[in-house]
Amino acid sequence: MNKYITKGINFLKEITEWMRVIFVFAIMAGLLFNDPFGVLANITKLLSNFSDHGLSALIAVLVVMLWSKK
């Protein structure tokens, strides 16, 4: 049973790493090619929502920063 749980956790870690790579690629493409995927516009909307909601936004930003660190 532990073997399957370990495999599942490793699979989720691998998917998360791929999602990070794709996210960084989308940001770089947005900076270089005038935002073809709309990622920068969505990040801008997200940050404007953070400024409207105060403390909960700060906590969310901190969680994202901790998640992005290894």
PDB file of N, CA and C in Angstrom:
ATOM      1  N   MET A   1       0.822  -1.193   0.000  1.00  0.00           N
ATOM      2  CA  MET A   1       0.000   0.000   0.000  1.00  0.00           C
ATOM      3  C   MET A   1       0.868   1.261   0.000  1.00  0.00           C
ATOM      4  N   ASN A   2       1.947   1.260   0.808  1.00  0.00           N
ATOM      5  CA  ASN A   2       2.835   2.421   0.854  1.00  0.00           C
ATOM      6  C   ASN A   2       3.494   2.673  -0.485  1.00  0.00           C
ATOM      7  N   LYS A   3       3.739   1.595  -1.224  1.00  0.00           N
ATOM      8  CA  LYS A   3       4.383   1.730  -2.531  1.00  0.00           C
ATOM      9  C   LYS A   3       3.509   2.565  -3.472  1.00  0.00           C
ATOM     10  N   TYR A   4       2.194   2.328  -3.446  1.00  0.00           N
ATOM     11  CA  TYR A   4       1.280   3.059  -4.315  1.00  0.00           C
ATOM     12  C   TYR A   4       1.133   4.522  -3.881  1.00  0.00           C
ATOM     13  N   ILE A   5       1.142   4.749  -2.587  1.00  0.00           N
ATOM     14  CA  ILE A   5       1.065   6.118  -2.084  1.00  0.00           C
ATOM     15  C   ILE A   5       2.313   6.891  -2.485  1.00  0.00           C
ATOM     16  N   THR A   6       3.469   6.264  -2.349  1.00  0.00           N
ATOM     17  CA  THR A   6       4.724   6.899  -2.743  1.00  0.00           C
ATOM     18  C   THR A   6       4.730   7.207  -4.237  1.00  0.00           C
ATOM     19  N   LYS A   7       4.247   6.272  -5.045  1.00  0.00           N
ATOM     20  CA  LYS A   7       4.175   6.507  -6.488  1.00  0.00           C
ATOM     21  C   LYS A   7       3.240   7.666  -6.800  1.00  0.00           C
ATOM     22  N   GLY A   8       2.112   7.733  -6.101  1.00  0.00           N
ATOM     23  CA  GLY A   8       1.172   8.827  -6.309  1.00  0.00           C
ATOM     24  C   GLY A   8       1.757  10.170  -5.933  1.00  0.00           C
ATOM     25  N   ILE A   9       2.453  10.218  -4.814  1.00  0.00           N
ATOM     26  CA  ILE A   9       3.076  11.465  -4.374  1.00  0.00           C
ATOM     27  C   ILE A   9       4.157  11.895  -5.358  1.00  0.00           C
ATOM     28  N   ASN A  10       4.968  10.950  -5.813  1.00  0.00           N
ATOM     29  CA  ASN A  10       6.007  11.281  -6.792  1.00  0.00           C
ATOM     30  C   ASN A  10       5.399  11.771  -8.103  1.00  0.00           C
ATOM     31  N   PHE A  11       4.287  11.171  -8.513  1.00  0.00           N
ATOM     32  CA  PHE A  11       3.606  11.611  -9.725  1.00  0.00           C
ATOM     33  C   PHE A  11       3.116  13.051  -9.577  1.00  0.00           C
ATOM     34  N   LEU A  12       2.518  13.374  -8.432  1.00  0.00           N
ATOM     35  CA  LEU A  12       2.041  14.736  -8.208  1.00  0.00           C
ATOM     36  C   LEU A  12       3.186  15.742  -8.152  1.00  0.00           C
ATOM     37  N   LYS A  13       4.312  15.342  -7.564  1.00  0.00           N
ATOM     38  CA  LYS A  13       5.485  16.230  -7.536  1.00  0.00           C
ATOM     39  C   LYS A  13       5.991  16.498  -8.951  1.00  0.00           C
ATOM     40  N   GLU A  14       6.004  15.465  -9.774  1.00  0.00           N
ATOM     41  CA  GLU A  14       6.478  15.618 -11.142  1.00  0.00           C
ATOM     42  C   GLU A  14       5.543  16.517 -11.948  1.00  0.00           C
ATOM     43  N   ILE A  15       4.239  16.333 -11.784  1.00  0.00           N
ATOM     44  CA  ILE A  15       3.268  17.184 -12.470  1.00  0.00           C
ATOM     45  C   ILE A  15       3.429  18.639 -12.032  1.00  0.00           C
ATOM     46  N   THR A  16       3.655  18.859 -10.736  1.00  0.00           N
ATOM     47  CA  THR A  16       3.838  20.213 -10.221  1.00  0.00           C
ATOM     48  C   THR A  16       5.083  20.856 -10.833  1.00  0.00           C
ATOM     49  N   GLU A  17       6.155  20.108 -10.949  1.00  0.00           N
ATOM     50  CA  GLU A  17       7.371  20.640 -11.563  1.00  0.00           C
ATOM     51  C   GLU A  17       7.122  21.031 -13.016  1.00  0.00           C
ATOM     52  N   TRP A  18       6.398  20.199 -13.755  1.00  0.00           N
ATOM     53  CA  TRP A  18       6.087  20.519 -15.153  1.00  0.00           C
ATOM     54  C   TRP A  18       5.207  21.753 -15.251  1.00  0.00           C
ATOM     55  N   MET A  19       4.284  21.906 -14.321  1.00  0.00           N
ATOM     56  CA  MET A  19       3.424  23.088 -14.324  1.00  0.00           C
ATOM     57  C   MET A  19       4.245  24.350 -14.070  1.00  0.00           C
ATOM     58  N   ARG A  20       5.220  24.258 -13.199  1.00  0.00           N
ATOM     59  CA  ARG A  20       6.110  25.405 -12.953  1.00  0.00           C
ATOM     60  C   ARG A  20       6.867  25.786 -14.220  1.00  0.00           C
ATOM     61  N   VAL A  21       7.412  24.782 -14.899  1.00  0.00           N
ATOM     62  CA  VAL A  21       8.180  25.037 -16.123  1.00  0.00           C
ATOM     63  C   VAL A  21       7.293  25.697 -17.170  1.00  0.00           C
ATOM     64  N   ILE A  22       6.083  25.197 -17.335  1.00  0.00           N
ATOM     65  CA  ILE A  22       5.165  25.764 -18.323  1.00  0.00           C
ATOM     66  C   ILE A  22       4.778  27.190 -17.935  1.00  0.00           C
ATOM     67  N   PHE A  23       4.579  27.439 -16.656  1.00  0.00           N
ATOM     68  CA  PHE A  23       4.230  28.780 -16.183  1.00  0.00           C
ATOM     69  C   PHE A  23       5.355  29.771 -16.468  1.00  0.00           C
ATOM     70  N   VAL A  24       6.585  29.376 -16.167  1.00  0.00           N
ATOM     71  CA  VAL A  24       7.732  30.252 -16.427  1.00  0.00           C
ATOM     72  C   VAL A  24       7.874  30.495 -17.928  1.00  0.00           C
ATOM     73  N   PHE A  25       7.673  29.450 -18.734  1.00  0.00           N
ATOM     74  CA  PHE A  25       7.734  29.607 -20.188  1.00  0.00           C
ATOM     75  C   PHE A  25       6.678  30.595 -20.669  1.00  0.00           C
ATOM     76  N   ALA A  26       5.476  30.495 -20.144  1.00  0.00           N
ATOM     77  CA  ALA A  26       4.401  31.395 -20.555  1.00  0.00           C
ATOM     78  C   ALA A  26       4.713  32.842 -20.177  1.00  0.00           C
ATOM     79  N   ILE A  27       5.304  33.041 -19.003  1.00  0.00           N
ATOM     80  CA  ILE A  27       5.688  34.399 -18.600  1.00  0.00           C
ATOM     81  C   ILE A  27       6.774  34.939 -19.516  1.00  0.00           C
ATOM     82  N   MET A  28       7.782  34.119 -19.802  1.00  0.00           N
ATOM     83  CA  MET A  28       8.864  34.567 -20.693  1.00  0.00           C
ATOM     84  C   MET A  28       8.328  34.865 -22.098  1.00  0.00           C
ATOM     85  N   ALA A  29       7.443  34.021 -22.596  1.00  0.00           N
ATOM     86  CA  ALA A  29       6.847  34.263 -23.917  1.00  0.00           C
ATOM     87  C   ALA A  29       6.033  35.552 -23.900  1.00  0.00           C
ATOM     88  N   GLY A  30       5.339  35.806 -22.800  1.00  0.00           N
ATOM     89  CA  GLY A  30       4.565  37.039 -22.683  1.00  0.00           C
ATOM     90  C   GLY A  30       5.448  38.269 -22.695  1.00  0.00           C
ATOM     91  N   LEU A  31       6.584  38.176 -22.051  1.00  0.00           N
ATOM     92  CA  LEU A  31       7.505  39.315 -22.027  1.00  0.00           C
ATOM     93  C   LEU A  31       8.164  39.536 -23.384  1.00  0.00           C
ATOM     94  N   LEU A  32       8.484  38.456 -24.062  1.00  0.00           N
ATOM     95  CA  LEU A  32       9.190  38.572 -25.337  1.00  0.00           C
ATOM     96  C   LEU A  32       8.277  38.838 -26.526  1.00  0.00           C
ATOM     97  N   PHE A  33       7.077  38.275 -26.521  1.00  0.00           N
ATOM     98  CA  PHE A  33       6.222  38.315 -27.701  1.00  0.00           C
ATOM     99  C   PHE A  33       4.874  38.985 -27.459  1.00  0.00           C
ATOM    100  N   ASN A  34       4.831  39.974 -26.598  1.00  0.00           N
ATOM    101  CA  ASN A  34       3.625  40.771 -26.371  1.00  0.00           C
ATOM    102  C   ASN A  34       2.453  39.936 -25.867  1.00  0.00           C
ATOM    103  N   ASP A  35       2.711  39.053 -24.941  1.00  0.00           N
ATOM    104  CA  ASP A  35       1.690  38.298 -24.196  1.00  0.00           C
ATOM    105  C   ASP A  35       0.719  37.504 -25.087  1.00  0.00           C
ATOM    106  N   PRO A  36       1.218  36.525 -25.861  1.00  0.00           N
ATOM    107  CA  PRO A  36       0.316  35.767 -26.746  1.00  0.00           C
ATOM    108  C   PRO A  36      -0.650  34.853 -25.998  1.00  0.00           C
ATOM    109  N   PHE A  37      -0.310  34.427 -24.797  1.00  0.00           N
ATOM    110  CA  PHE A  37      -1.168  33.508 -24.044  1.00  0.00           C
ATOM    111  C   PHE A  37      -2.046  34.222 -23.027  1.00  0.00           C
ATOM    112  N   GLY A  38      -1.838  35.509 -22.815  1.00  0.00           N
ATOM    113  CA  GLY A  38      -2.634  36.267 -21.858  1.00  0.00           C
ATOM    114  C   GLY A  38      -2.226  36.049 -20.414  1.00  0.00           C
ATOM    115  N   VAL A  39      -1.062  35.478 -20.188  1.00  0.00           N
ATOM    116  CA  VAL A  39      -0.620  35.181 -18.825  1.00  0.00           C
ATOM    117  C   VAL A  39      -0.328  36.470 -18.051  1.00  0.00           C
ATOM    118  N   LEU A  40       0.334  37.401 -18.683  1.00  0.00           N
ATOM    119  CA  LEU A  40       0.676  38.646 -17.988  1.00  0.00           C
ATOM    120  C   LEU A  40      -0.578  39.448 -17.631  1.00  0.00           C
ATOM    121  N   ALA A  41      -1.572  39.428 -18.500  1.00  0.00           N
ATOM    122  CA  ALA A  41      -2.830  40.121 -18.193  1.00  0.00           C
ATOM    123  C   ALA A  41      -3.516  39.471 -16.996  1.00  0.00           C
ATOM    124  N   ASN A  42      -3.486  38.148 -16.935  1.00  0.00           N
ATOM    125  CA  ASN A  42      -4.109  37.457 -15.800  1.00  0.00           C
ATOM    126  C   ASN A  42      -3.349  37.701 -14.507  1.00  0.00           C
ATOM    127  N   ILE A  43      -2.026  37.772 -14.584  1.00  0.00           N
ATOM    128  CA  ILE A  43      -1.229  38.072 -13.390  1.00  0.00           C
ATOM    129  C   ILE A  43      -1.538  39.491 -12.908  1.00  0.00           C
ATOM    130  N   THR A  44      -1.693  40.412 -13.843  1.00  0.00           N
ATOM    131  CA  THR A  44      -2.041  41.791 -13.489  1.00  0.00           C
ATOM    132  C   THR A  44      -3.396  41.845 -12.797  1.00  0.00           C
ATOM    133  N   LYS A  45      -4.381  41.105 -13.317  1.00  0.00           N
ATOM    134  CA  LYS A  45      -5.701  41.051 -12.670  1.00  0.00           C
ATOM    135  C   LYS A  45      -5.596  40.471 -11.269  1.00  0.00           C
ATOM    136  N   LEU A  46      -4.797  39.407 -11.139  1.00  0.00           N
ATOM    137  CA  LEU A  46      -4.623  38.757  -9.845  1.00  0.00           C
ATOM    138  C   LEU A  46      -4.011  39.714  -8.831  1.00  0.00           C
ATOM    139  N   LEU A  47      -2.988  40.449  -9.248  1.00  0.00           N
ATOM    140  CA  LEU A  47      -2.349  41.397  -8.341  1.00  0.00           C
ATOM    141  C   LEU A  47      -3.279  42.551  -7.981  1.00  0.00           C
ATOM    142  N   SER A  48      -4.118  42.979  -8.910  1.00  0.00           N
ATOM    143  CA  SER A  48      -5.061  44.049  -8.569  1.00  0.00           C
ATOM    144  C   SER A  48      -6.104  43.539  -7.573  1.00  0.00           C
ATOM    145  N   ASN A  49      -6.486  42.271  -7.688  1.00  0.00           N
ATOM    146  CA  ASN A  49      -7.401  41.691  -6.702  1.00  0.00           C
ATOM    147  C   ASN A  49      -6.735  41.596  -5.332  1.00  0.00           C
ATOM    148  N   PHE A  50      -5.439  41.308  -5.308  1.00  0.00           N
ATOM    149  CA  PHE A  50      -4.718  41.242  -4.044  1.00  0.00           C
ATOM    150  C   PHE A  50      -4.755  42.587  -3.337  1.00  0.00           C
ATOM    151  N   SER A  51      -4.582  43.655  -4.087  1.00  0.00           N
ATOM    152  CA  SER A  51      -4.563  44.968  -3.451  1.00  0.00           C
ATOM    153  C   SER A  51      -5.935  45.342  -2.899  1.00  0.00           C
ATOM    154  N   ASP A  52      -7.001  44.776  -3.457  1.00  0.00           N
ATOM    155  CA  ASP A  52      -8.346  45.084  -2.981  1.00  0.00           C
ATOM    156  C   ASP A  52      -8.707  44.337  -1.700  1.00  0.00           C
ATOM    157  N   HIS A  53      -8.025  43.226  -1.421  1.00  0.00           N
ATOM    158  CA  HIS A  53      -8.461  42.374  -0.332  1.00  0.00           C
ATOM    159  C   HIS A  53      -7.530  42.351   0.888  1.00  0.00           C
ATOM    160  N   GLY A  54      -6.487  43.128   0.899  1.00  0.00           N
ATOM    161  CA  GLY A  54      -5.683  43.340   2.088  1.00  0.00           C
ATOM    162  C   GLY A  54      -4.942  42.147   2.654  1.00  0.00           C
ATOM    163  N   LEU A  55      -5.230  41.795   3.902  1.00  0.00           N
ATOM    164  CA  LEU A  55      -4.476  40.789   4.635  1.00  0.00           C
ATOM    165  C   LEU A  55      -4.575  39.407   4.005  1.00  0.00           C
ATOM    166  N   SER A  56      -5.738  39.027   3.538  1.00  0.00           N
ATOM    167  CA  SER A  56      -5.876  37.708   2.911  1.00  0.00           C
ATOM    168  C   SER A  56      -5.017  37.632   1.647  1.00  0.00           C
ATOM    169  N   ALA A  57      -4.886  38.743   0.942  1.00  0.00           N
ATOM    170  CA  ALA A  57      -4.034  38.771  -0.238  1.00  0.00           C
ATOM    171  C   ALA A  57      -2.568  38.603   0.145  1.00  0.00           C
ATOM    172  N   LEU A  58      -2.152  39.250   1.208  1.00  0.00           N
ATOM    173  CA  LEU A  58      -0.772  39.120   1.671  1.00  0.00           C
ATOM    174  C   LEU A  58      -0.466  37.678   2.048  1.00  0.00           C
ATOM    175  N   ILE A  59      -1.380  37.028   2.726  1.00  0.00           N
ATOM    176  CA  ILE A  59      -1.181  35.624   3.101  1.00  0.00           C
ATOM    177  C   ILE A  59      -1.102  34.756   1.852  1.00  0.00           C
ATOM    178  N   ALA A  60      -1.950  35.019   0.866  1.00  0.00           N
ATOM    179  CA  ALA A  60      -1.919  34.245  -0.370  1.00  0.00           C
ATOM    180  C   ALA A  60      -0.595  34.427  -1.104  1.00  0.00           C
ATOM    181  N   VAL A  61      -0.092  35.648  -1.141  1.00  0.00           N
ATOM    182  CA  VAL A  61       1.201  35.897  -1.788  1.00  0.00           C
ATOM    183  C   VAL A  61       2.314  35.156  -1.054  1.00  0.00           C
ATOM    184  N   LEU A  62       2.284  35.172   0.254  1.00  0.00           N
ATOM    185  CA  LEU A  62       3.309  34.461   1.031  1.00  0.00           C
ATOM    186  C   LEU A  62       3.242  32.947   0.775  1.00  0.00           C
ATOM    187  N   VAL A  63       2.037  32.396   0.685  1.00  0.00           N
ATOM    188  CA  VAL A  63       1.901  30.974   0.405  1.00  0.00           C
ATOM    189  C   VAL A  63       2.466  30.644  -0.967  1.00  0.00           C
ATOM    190  N   VAL A  64       2.193  31.474  -1.961  1.00  0.00           N
ATOM    191  CA  VAL A  64       2.725  31.232  -3.303  1.00  0.00           C
ATOM    192  C   VAL A  64       4.241  31.336  -3.301  1.00  0.00           C
ATOM    193  N   MET A  65       4.786  32.300  -2.566  1.00  0.00           N
ATOM    194  CA  MET A  65       6.243  32.448  -2.507  1.00  0.00           C
ATOM    195  C   MET A  65       6.879  31.241  -1.839  1.00  0.00           C
ATOM    196  N   LEU A  66       6.295  30.753  -0.753  1.00  0.00           N
ATOM    197  CA  LEU A  66       6.841  29.568  -0.083  1.00  0.00           C
ATOM    198  C   LEU A  66       6.713  28.333  -0.957  1.00  0.00           C
ATOM    199  N   TRP A  67       5.623  28.258  -1.734  1.00  0.00           N
ATOM    200  CA  TRP A  67       5.417  27.111  -2.607  1.00  0.00           C
ATOM    201  C   TRP A  67       6.462  27.101  -3.719  1.00  0.00           C
ATOM    202  N   SER A  68       6.850  28.284  -4.193  1.00  0.00           N
ATOM    203  CA  SER A  68       7.789  28.345  -5.308  1.00  0.00           C
ATOM    204  C   SER A  68       9.222  28.071  -4.873  1.00  0.00           C
ATOM    205  N   LYS A  69       9.504  28.211  -3.573  1.00  0.00           N
ATOM    206  CA  LYS A  69      10.846  27.897  -3.080  1.00  0.00           C
ATOM    207  C   LYS A  69      10.982  26.400  -2.869  1.00  0.00           C
ATOM    208  N   LYS A  70      12.171  25.923  -3.019  1.00  0.00           N
ATOM    209  CA  LYS A  70      12.409  24.502  -2.718  1.00  0.00           C
ATOM    210  C   LYS A  70      13.104  24.375  -1.394  1.00  0.00           C
TER     211      LYS A  70
END
